[in-house]
């Protein structure tokens, strides 16, 4: 939807924060074998962003959330897809 729209529509910002929180929550539940098999994903940072999104609203860096959603989430998706294909 684009950054300009996200910046002006609070529900879109909140949705982005929710996605970050959900990804972090999932990361906390992954088995160690998945974490070790996907070193291209900064799991510690993913988990850390969940804590901020869930508990420290005043510390949310909205620009960082935007960059994470735009750049990092698609890269994570690719790493996980490659891992799943290798496990397949």
Protein backbone atom coordinates (compact mmCIF):
# COMPACT_ATOMS: atom_id res chain seq x y z
CA UNK A 1 0.00 0.00 0.00
CA UNK A 2 3.00 2.22 0.27
CA UNK A 3 4.74 4.17 2.97
CA UNK A 4 2.84 7.41 2.44
CA UNK A 5 -0.50 5.69 3.02
CA UNK A 6 0.88 3.75 5.98
CA UNK A 7 2.16 6.98 7.53
CA UNK A 8 -1.25 8.65 7.28
CA UNK A 9 -3.50 5.73 8.24
CA UNK A 10 -3.12 4.60 11.83
CA UNK A 11 -4.85 1.21 11.26
CA UNK A 12 -2.15 0.31 8.73
CA UNK A 13 0.61 1.21 11.20
CA UNK A 14 -1.09 -0.89 13.88
CA UNK A 15 -1.44 -3.79 11.44
CA UNK A 16 2.28 -3.61 10.69
CA UNK A 17 3.07 -3.67 14.40
CA UNK A 18 0.79 -6.69 14.78
CA UNK A 19 2.63 -8.54 12.01
CA UNK A 20 5.96 -7.81 13.71
CA UNK A 21 4.55 -9.05 17.00
CA UNK A 22 3.19 -12.22 15.44
CA UNK A 23 6.49 -13.02 13.73
CA UNK A 24 8.34 -12.53 16.99
CA UNK A 25 5.88 -14.73 18.82
CA UNK A 26 6.35 -17.49 16.26
CA UNK A 27 10.13 -17.11 16.54
CA UNK A 28 10.00 -17.75 20.27
CA UNK A 29 8.29 -21.09 19.63
CA UNK A 30 10.56 -22.42 16.88
CA UNK A 31 12.60 -25.52 17.63
CA UNK A 32 16.36 -24.98 17.96
CA UNK A 33 16.91 -27.05 14.81
CA UNK A 34 15.01 -24.48 12.74
CA UNK A 35 16.92 -21.58 14.28
CA UNK A 36 20.25 -23.31 13.57
CA UNK A 37 19.21 -24.27 10.04
CA UNK A 38 18.30 -20.69 9.10
CA UNK A 39 21.30 -18.56 10.11
CA UNK A 40 20.30 -15.96 7.51
CA UNK A 41 17.52 -14.79 9.82
CA UNK A 42 18.44 -12.63 12.82
CA UNK A 43 16.17 -14.52 15.22
CA UNK A 44 17.30 -12.65 18.32
CA UNK A 45 16.30 -9.32 16.74
CA UNK A 46 12.99 -10.78 15.54
CA UNK A 47 12.18 -11.86 19.09
CA UNK A 48 13.30 -8.49 20.43
CA UNK A 49 10.99 -6.57 18.12
CA UNK A 50 8.09 -8.66 19.41
CA UNK A 51 8.81 -7.55 22.94
CA UNK A 52 8.81 -3.92 21.90
CA UNK A 53 5.64 -4.27 19.80
CA UNK A 54 3.82 -6.10 22.60
CA UNK A 55 5.03 -4.28 25.69
CA UNK A 56 6.91 -1.07 24.92
CA UNK A 57 4.62 0.84 22.59
CA UNK A 58 6.41 4.10 23.37
CA UNK A 59 9.66 2.63 21.99
CA UNK A 60 8.31 1.54 18.60
CA UNK A 61 10.40 3.01 15.82
CA UNK A 62 7.82 3.29 13.07
CA UNK A 63 10.44 3.79 10.38
CA UNK A 64 12.19 0.60 11.52
CA UNK A 65 8.89 -1.28 11.39
CA UNK A 66 8.36 -0.03 7.84
CA UNK A 67 11.84 -1.13 6.72
CA UNK A 68 11.40 -4.49 8.43
CA UNK A 69 8.10 -5.14 6.68
CA UNK A 70 9.34 -3.90 3.32
CA UNK A 71 12.81 -5.48 3.28
CA UNK A 72 13.38 -8.01 6.04
CA UNK A 73 10.13 -9.96 6.03
CA UNK A 74 10.40 -10.86 2.31
CA UNK A 75 14.03 -11.96 2.90
CA UNK A 76 12.93 -14.09 5.85
CA UNK A 77 10.27 -15.64 3.66
CA UNK A 78 12.89 -16.60 1.05
CA UNK A 79 15.24 -18.12 3.64
CA UNK A 80 12.41 -20.16 5.15
CA UNK A 81 11.22 -21.32 1.71
CA UNK A 82 14.73 -22.51 0.84
CA UNK A 83 15.00 -24.34 4.16
CA UNK A 84 11.61 -26.01 3.65
CA UNK A 85 12.58 -27.13 0.15
CA UNK A 86 15.84 -28.57 1.45
CA UNK A 87 13.96 -30.41 4.21
CA UNK A 88 11.22 -31.43 1.78
